[in-house]
N, C-alpha and C. Protein backbone atom coordinates (compact mmCIF):
# COMPACT_ATOMS: atom_id res chain seq x y z
N MET A 1 -25.70 2.52 -43.09
CA MET A 1 -25.00 4.11 -41.96
C MET A 1 -23.65 4.31 -43.21
N SER A 2 -23.10 5.69 -42.82
CA SER A 2 -22.49 6.25 -44.21
C SER A 2 -20.78 5.92 -42.83
N ASN A 3 -19.57 6.54 -43.48
CA ASN A 3 -19.12 6.56 -42.22
C ASN A 3 -18.07 6.94 -41.89
N LYS A 4 -19.36 8.69 -41.88
CA LYS A 4 -18.16 10.06 -40.51
C LYS A 4 -19.69 8.89 -39.59
N LYS A 5 -20.60 7.99 -39.81
CA LYS A 5 -21.59 7.83 -38.36
C LYS A 5 -21.01 7.19 -37.72
N PHE A 6 -20.64 6.05 -38.98
CA PHE A 6 -20.41 5.01 -38.07
C PHE A 6 -18.92 5.45 -37.10
N ALA A 7 -17.78 6.34 -37.68
CA ALA A 7 -17.01 7.12 -36.31
C ALA A 7 -16.94 7.56 -35.28
N VAL A 8 -17.56 7.63 -35.36
CA VAL A 8 -18.97 8.77 -34.93
C VAL A 8 -19.04 8.16 -33.41
N VAL A 9 -20.62 7.06 -33.96
CA VAL A 9 -20.64 5.34 -33.45
C VAL A 9 -19.41 4.67 -32.03
N SER A 10 -18.83 4.67 -33.11
CA SER A 10 -17.87 3.93 -32.60
C SER A 10 -16.89 4.80 -31.96
N VAL A 11 -16.50 5.84 -31.98
CA VAL A 11 -15.46 6.13 -31.25
C VAL A 11 -16.80 6.73 -29.81
N LEU A 12 -18.60 6.91 -29.37
CA LEU A 12 -18.38 7.00 -28.37
C LEU A 12 -19.25 5.80 -27.61
N ALA A 13 -19.34 4.48 -28.31
CA ALA A 13 -19.31 3.44 -28.11
C ALA A 13 -18.33 2.87 -27.31
N ALA A 14 -16.06 3.44 -27.87
CA ALA A 14 -15.31 3.44 -27.26
C ALA A 14 -15.53 4.38 -25.79
N LEU A 15 -16.11 5.35 -25.80
CA LEU A 15 -15.88 6.57 -24.21
C LEU A 15 -16.67 5.66 -23.73
N VAL A 16 -17.79 4.80 -23.76
CA VAL A 16 -18.71 4.14 -22.69
C VAL A 16 -17.70 3.14 -22.26
N LEU A 17 -17.42 2.63 -22.81
CA LEU A 17 -16.89 1.36 -22.48
C LEU A 17 -15.68 1.27 -22.26
N VAL A 18 -14.65 2.77 -21.64
CA VAL A 18 -12.80 2.84 -21.51
C VAL A 18 -13.91 3.76 -20.07
N SER A 19 -15.19 4.08 -19.63
CA SER A 19 -15.81 5.08 -18.87
C SER A 19 -16.71 4.07 -17.20
N ALA A 20 -16.67 3.27 -18.18
CA ALA A 20 -17.44 2.27 -17.77
C ALA A 20 -16.38 0.70 -17.02
N ALA A 21 -15.40 0.74 -17.76
CA ALA A 21 -14.48 0.00 -16.43
C ALA A 21 -13.11 0.31 -16.31
N THR A 22 -13.37 2.09 -16.16
CA THR A 22 -12.84 3.04 -14.92
C THR A 22 -13.70 3.23 -14.00
N GLY A 23 -14.82 3.00 -14.08
CA GLY A 23 -15.99 3.50 -12.42
C GLY A 23 -15.96 1.44 -11.89
N ILE A 24 -15.65 0.74 -13.35
CA ILE A 24 -15.51 -1.02 -12.26
C ILE A 24 -14.37 -0.53 -11.63
N TYR A 25 -13.06 -0.06 -11.83
CA TYR A 25 -12.04 -0.60 -11.37
C TYR A 25 -11.96 0.20 -9.60
N LEU A 26 -12.83 1.74 -10.47
CA LEU A 26 -12.46 2.71 -9.22
C LEU A 26 -13.65 1.65 -7.70
N LEU A 27 -14.78 1.13 -7.87
CA LEU A 27 -15.11 0.74 -7.33
C LEU A 27 -14.12 -0.45 -6.37
N ALA A 28 -14.06 -1.25 -6.89
CA ALA A 28 -13.54 -2.06 -7.03
C ALA A 28 -11.62 -2.23 -6.54
N ALA A 29 -11.36 -0.88 -6.57
CA ALA A 29 -9.13 -0.92 -6.50
C ALA A 29 -9.77 -0.21 -4.17
N PRO A 30 -9.08 -2.04 -4.23
CA PRO A 30 -8.70 -0.60 -1.97
C PRO A 30 -8.22 0.12 -2.21
N LYS A 31 -8.53 0.45 -0.74
CA LYS A 31 -8.30 2.19 -0.30
C LYS A 31 -6.73 1.87 0.15
N ALA A 32 -6.58 2.77 -0.29
CA ALA A 32 -5.18 3.28 0.23
C ALA A 32 -5.12 3.80 2.44
N LEU A 33 -4.79 2.84 2.86
CA LEU A 33 -3.90 3.34 4.49
C LEU A 33 -3.53 4.21 4.90
N GLY A 34 -2.22 4.05 3.97
CA GLY A 34 -0.75 4.58 4.45
C GLY A 34 0.47 3.79 3.89
N ASN A 35 1.01 4.98 3.48
CA ASN A 35 2.52 4.66 2.98
C ASN A 35 3.53 5.29 3.55
N ILE A 36 4.29 4.94 3.87
CA ILE A 36 5.73 5.47 4.18
C ILE A 36 6.57 4.60 3.26
N LYS A 37 7.37 6.14 2.84
CA LYS A 37 8.62 6.14 1.58
C LYS A 37 9.79 6.41 1.89
N TYR A 38 11.25 6.23 1.73
CA TYR A 38 12.02 6.89 2.07
C TYR A 38 13.24 6.74 1.93
N ARG A 39 14.74 7.85 1.14
CA ARG A 39 15.55 6.46 0.58
C ARG A 39 17.06 7.42 1.18
N SER A 40 17.19 7.00 1.27
CA SER A 40 18.64 7.54 2.15
C SER A 40 20.09 7.09 1.30
N THR A 41 21.35 8.21 1.55
CA THR A 41 22.46 7.61 1.01
C THR A 41 24.17 8.04 1.62
N LYS A 42 23.37 8.72 3.19
CA LYS A 42 24.79 7.49 3.96
C LYS A 42 23.58 7.08 4.84
N PRO A 43 24.53 6.45 6.25
CA PRO A 43 23.74 6.12 7.53
C PRO A 43 22.28 6.66 8.06
N THR A 44 21.94 6.11 7.95
CA THR A 44 20.33 6.47 8.93
C THR A 44 19.97 5.77 9.61
N THR A 45 19.35 6.64 10.81
CA THR A 45 18.97 5.78 12.55
C THR A 45 18.40 6.10 12.71
N SER A 46 17.26 6.47 12.43
CA SER A 46 15.90 6.70 12.54
C SER A 46 14.61 5.78 12.70
N ALA A 47 13.47 6.80 12.66
CA ALA A 47 12.04 5.48 12.80
C ALA A 47 11.22 6.13 11.62
N SER A 48 10.02 6.05 10.67
CA SER A 48 9.03 6.54 10.42
C SER A 48 7.71 5.71 10.58
N SER A 49 6.61 6.30 10.70
CA SER A 49 5.54 5.74 10.52
C SER A 49 3.86 6.54 9.98
N VAL A 50 3.21 5.93 10.00
CA VAL A 50 1.54 5.91 9.32
C VAL A 50 1.05 5.38 10.31
N SER A 51 -0.28 5.89 10.62
CA SER A 51 -1.74 4.94 11.78
C SER A 51 -2.97 5.22 10.40
N PHE A 52 -3.71 4.57 11.21
CA PHE A 52 -5.14 4.34 10.38
C PHE A 52 -6.01 3.24 11.29
N THR A 53 -6.98 3.58 10.90
CA THR A 53 -7.80 2.33 12.71
C THR A 53 -8.41 1.64 10.95
N GLY A 54 -8.75 0.63 11.93
CA GLY A 54 -9.54 -0.84 11.33
C GLY A 54 -10.32 -1.50 11.83
N GLN A 55 -10.73 -2.58 11.61
CA GLN A 55 -11.85 -3.22 12.58
C GLN A 55 -11.46 -4.55 12.86
N ALA A 56 -11.94 -4.98 13.11
CA ALA A 56 -11.67 -6.65 13.99
C ALA A 56 -12.29 -7.41 12.45
N GLY A 57 -11.21 -8.05 12.27
CA GLY A 57 -11.48 -9.22 11.11
C GLY A 57 -11.11 -8.61 9.99
N GLU A 58 -10.98 -7.09 9.75
CA GLU A 58 -10.33 -6.97 8.53
C GLU A 58 -8.90 -7.24 7.95
N ARG A 59 -9.49 -7.49 6.35
CA ARG A 59 -8.11 -8.25 5.83
C ARG A 59 -6.60 -6.40 5.48
N ILE A 60 -6.13 -6.67 6.01
CA ILE A 60 -4.65 -5.73 5.07
C ILE A 60 -3.57 -6.15 4.48
N ARG A 61 -3.59 -5.62 2.93
CA ARG A 61 -2.72 -6.41 2.34
C ARG A 61 -1.72 -4.94 1.98
N PHE A 62 -0.03 -5.15 3.07
CA PHE A 62 0.88 -5.03 1.99
C PHE A 62 1.46 -4.70 1.52
N SER A 63 2.04 -3.83 0.84
CA SER A 63 2.61 -3.60 -0.26
C SER A 63 4.19 -3.20 -0.44
N LEU A 64 5.49 -4.29 -0.27
CA LEU A 64 6.94 -3.65 0.59
C LEU A 64 7.20 -3.71 -0.92
N ARG A 65 8.50 -2.76 -1.81
CA ARG A 65 9.33 -2.58 -1.97
C ARG A 65 10.47 -2.11 -1.60
N SER A 66 12.14 -2.82 -1.72
CA SER A 66 13.19 -2.16 -0.62
C SER A 66 14.67 -2.32 -1.72
N THR A 67 15.36 -1.64 -1.27
CA THR A 67 16.53 -1.48 -1.83
C THR A 67 18.00 -2.05 -0.45
N VAL A 68 18.39 -2.59 0.18
CA VAL A 68 19.06 -2.03 1.52
C VAL A 68 20.18 -2.77 1.65
N GLN A 69 21.31 -1.50 1.15
CA GLN A 69 22.63 -0.70 0.80
C GLN A 69 23.06 -1.78 1.50
N LYS A 70 22.61 -1.00 3.02
CA LYS A 70 23.39 -0.94 4.12
C LYS A 70 22.74 -1.36 5.23
N GLY A 71 22.94 -1.74 6.16
CA GLY A 71 22.06 -1.12 7.48
C GLY A 71 20.64 -2.08 7.55
N GLU A 72 20.17 -2.37 8.74
CA GLU A 72 19.44 -3.07 8.36
C GLU A 72 17.11 -2.47 8.97
N LEU A 73 16.94 -2.38 8.19
CA LEU A 73 15.16 -2.12 8.19
C LEU A 73 13.93 -3.77 8.85
N HIS A 74 13.52 -2.99 10.00
CA HIS A 74 11.75 -3.63 10.34
C HIS A 74 11.02 -3.01 10.15
N ILE A 75 9.74 -3.87 9.71
CA ILE A 75 8.64 -3.16 9.58
C ILE A 75 7.49 -3.80 10.78
N VAL A 76 7.00 -2.56 11.40
CA VAL A 76 5.75 -3.65 11.88
C VAL A 76 4.57 -3.23 12.39
N LEU A 77 3.53 -4.17 12.42
CA LEU A 77 2.22 -2.67 13.06
C LEU A 77 2.06 -3.45 14.61
N CYS A 78 2.12 -2.33 14.72
CA CYS A 78 1.71 -1.92 16.30
C CYS A 78 -0.10 -1.19 16.63
N ASP A 79 -0.91 -2.01 17.40
CA ASP A 79 -2.08 -1.45 18.10
C ASP A 79 -1.87 -0.32 18.58
N SER A 80 -2.46 0.18 19.36
CA SER A 80 -3.33 1.24 19.91
C SER A 80 -2.10 1.67 22.01
N ASN A 81 -1.94 -0.28 22.16
CA ASN A 81 -0.86 -0.06 23.56
C ASN A 81 0.88 -0.47 23.49
N GLY A 82 0.98 0.20 21.24
CA GLY A 82 2.48 -1.00 21.22
C GLY A 82 2.76 -2.47 21.37
N LYS A 83 0.98 -3.04 20.95
CA LYS A 83 1.78 -3.69 21.22
C LYS A 83 1.91 -4.23 19.34
N THR A 84 2.68 -5.41 19.07
CA THR A 84 3.26 -5.58 17.97
C THR A 84 1.66 -6.48 17.68
N VAL A 85 1.15 -6.16 16.35
CA VAL A 85 0.37 -7.32 15.44
C VAL A 85 0.29 -8.47 14.61
N TYR A 86 1.60 -7.74 13.72
CA TYR A 86 2.02 -7.86 12.93
C TYR A 86 4.00 -7.65 12.26
N THR A 87 4.72 -8.99 11.91
CA THR A 87 5.95 -8.20 12.35
C THR A 87 5.94 -8.23 10.57
N LEU A 88 6.24 -7.18 9.54
CA LEU A 88 7.16 -8.09 7.89
C LEU A 88 8.56 -8.67 7.96
N ASP A 89 8.14 -9.36 7.33
CA ASP A 89 9.57 -9.75 6.77
C ASP A 89 10.41 -9.40 5.96
N LYS A 90 11.69 -9.34 5.87
CA LYS A 90 12.24 -8.95 5.04
C LYS A 90 12.63 -9.08 3.49
N ALA A 91 12.55 -8.49 2.61
CA ALA A 91 12.73 -8.99 1.16
C ALA A 91 12.86 -7.34 0.64
N ARG A 92 13.50 -7.95 -1.08
CA ARG A 92 12.68 -7.02 -1.79
C ARG A 92 11.95 -6.66 -2.63
N GLU A 93 10.76 -6.69 -2.46
CA GLU A 93 9.06 -6.98 -3.19
C GLU A 93 8.62 -8.39 -2.23
N LEU A 94 7.04 -7.36 -1.99
CA LEU A 94 6.43 -8.37 -0.91
C LEU A 94 5.38 -7.51 -1.00
N GLU A 95 4.79 -9.07 -0.99
CA GLU A 95 2.75 -8.74 -0.39
C GLU A 95 2.30 -9.45 0.09
N THR A 96 1.55 -9.05 1.22
CA THR A 96 1.34 -9.90 2.42
C THR A 96 0.30 -10.08 2.57
N PHE A 97 -0.01 -10.61 2.92
CA PHE A 97 -1.66 -10.17 4.08
C PHE A 97 -1.74 -10.39 5.61
N THR A 98 -2.88 -9.32 6.53
CA THR A 98 -3.20 -10.00 8.06
C THR A 98 -4.41 -10.12 8.27
N ASN A 99 -5.08 -10.45 8.84
CA ASN A 99 -6.57 -9.59 9.46
C ASN A 99 -6.58 -9.20 11.46
N LEU A 100 -6.78 -8.13 11.44
CA LEU A 100 -6.80 -7.06 12.12
C LEU A 100 -7.24 -8.15 13.27
N PRO A 101 -6.56 -7.84 14.25
CA PRO A 101 -7.38 -8.75 15.45
C PRO A 101 -8.69 -7.51 16.82
N GLN A 102 -8.41 -6.83 16.56
CA GLN A 102 -9.67 -6.13 17.22
C GLN A 102 -9.78 -4.35 16.20
N SER A 103 -11.36 -3.77 16.74
CA SER A 103 -11.49 -2.28 16.11
C SER A 103 -10.40 -1.81 17.14
N ASP A 104 -9.47 -0.47 16.44
CA ASP A 104 -8.46 0.15 16.65
C ASP A 104 -8.08 0.79 16.32
N THR A 105 -6.83 1.88 16.42
CA THR A 105 -6.41 2.76 15.86
C THR A 105 -4.24 1.91 15.01
N TYR A 106 -4.19 1.68 14.18
CA TYR A 106 -2.75 0.64 13.84
C TYR A 106 -1.72 2.07 13.43
N THR A 107 -0.30 1.39 13.23
CA THR A 107 0.82 2.34 13.48
C THR A 107 1.32 1.11 13.20
N LEU A 108 1.80 1.48 11.24
CA LEU A 108 3.08 1.17 10.51
C LEU A 108 4.10 1.74 10.93
N THR A 109 5.03 1.44 11.69
CA THR A 109 5.89 1.79 10.98
C THR A 109 7.52 1.19 11.22
N THR A 110 8.13 1.57 10.93
CA THR A 110 9.38 1.77 9.61
C THR A 110 10.50 1.63 10.67
N THR A 111 11.28 1.22 11.59
CA THR A 111 13.05 1.30 12.02
C THR A 111 14.20 1.10 11.37
N TYR A 112 14.97 2.19 11.52
CA TYR A 112 16.56 2.07 9.81
C TYR A 112 17.40 1.65 10.94
N THR A 113 18.12 1.30 10.71
CA THR A 113 19.52 1.86 10.93
C THR A 113 20.95 1.40 10.99
N ASN A 114 21.93 2.82 10.79
CA ASN A 114 23.42 2.69 9.45
C ASN A 114 22.90 2.31 8.47
N PHE A 115 21.06 3.40 8.16
CA PHE A 115 20.12 2.08 6.43
C PHE A 115 21.50 3.14 5.15
N ILE A 116 21.49 3.11 4.81
CA ILE A 116 21.30 2.78 3.34
C ILE A 116 20.13 2.42 2.38
N GLY A 117 19.63 2.69 1.35
CA GLY A 117 19.30 2.91 0.11
C GLY A 117 17.68 3.25 0.40
N GLN A 118 16.75 2.27 -0.03
CA GLN A 118 15.23 3.25 -0.02
C GLN A 118 14.40 2.08 -0.07
N TYR A 119 12.51 2.48 0.58
CA TYR A 119 11.85 1.54 0.68
C TYR A 119 10.31 2.33 0.63
N ASP A 120 9.68 1.56 0.20
CA ASP A 120 8.14 1.80 -0.13
C ASP A 120 7.79 0.95 0.58
N ILE A 121 6.64 1.00 1.31
CA ILE A 121 5.59 0.08 1.49
C ILE A 121 4.56 0.83 1.77
N SER A 122 2.78 0.29 1.04
CA SER A 122 1.74 0.63 1.73
C SER A 122 0.85 -0.52 2.74
N ALA A 123 -0.12 0.20 2.48
CA ALA A 123 -1.00 -0.09 3.57
C ALA A 123 -2.21 -0.05 2.90
N TYR A 124 -3.29 -1.17 2.63
CA TYR A 124 -4.45 -1.20 1.97
C TYR A 124 -5.47 -2.44 2.81
N LYS A 125 -6.71 -1.58 2.28
CA LYS A 125 -7.94 -2.51 2.96
C LYS A 125 -8.24 -3.18 1.67
N ALA A 126 -7.35 -4.94 1.29
CA ALA A 126 -8.00 -5.75 0.93
C ALA A 126 -9.00 -5.99 0.64
N ASN A 127 -9.61 -6.58 -0.69
CA ASN A 127 -11.24 -6.65 -0.99
C ASN A 127 -11.51 -8.54 -1.34
């Protein structure tokens, strides 16, 4: 095989491998359910939320990154009746899981008081 043919075959083989790997990742990647990002440089008191539907027993992964320079930050997951079903621990970085108790619409809420800093919380269906 000439060098030119070998190079073409090598490039095509590499493209096939990259395409296959990308396809496998996309099939296996967790499904994003919601995300809340916030940043404040002045003391702020408020709340933010995002809702999603889930099935009984479904495993949910939370990914949190936060920097609280001042004030308080609380993050809870509530069912459609407003009952808290999960409270996230306070941390700079946190990956945690919970199983949903019932099929319902859930709301992930961040409440912050005199807050200066930033946070990014995401919820995913865990595989």
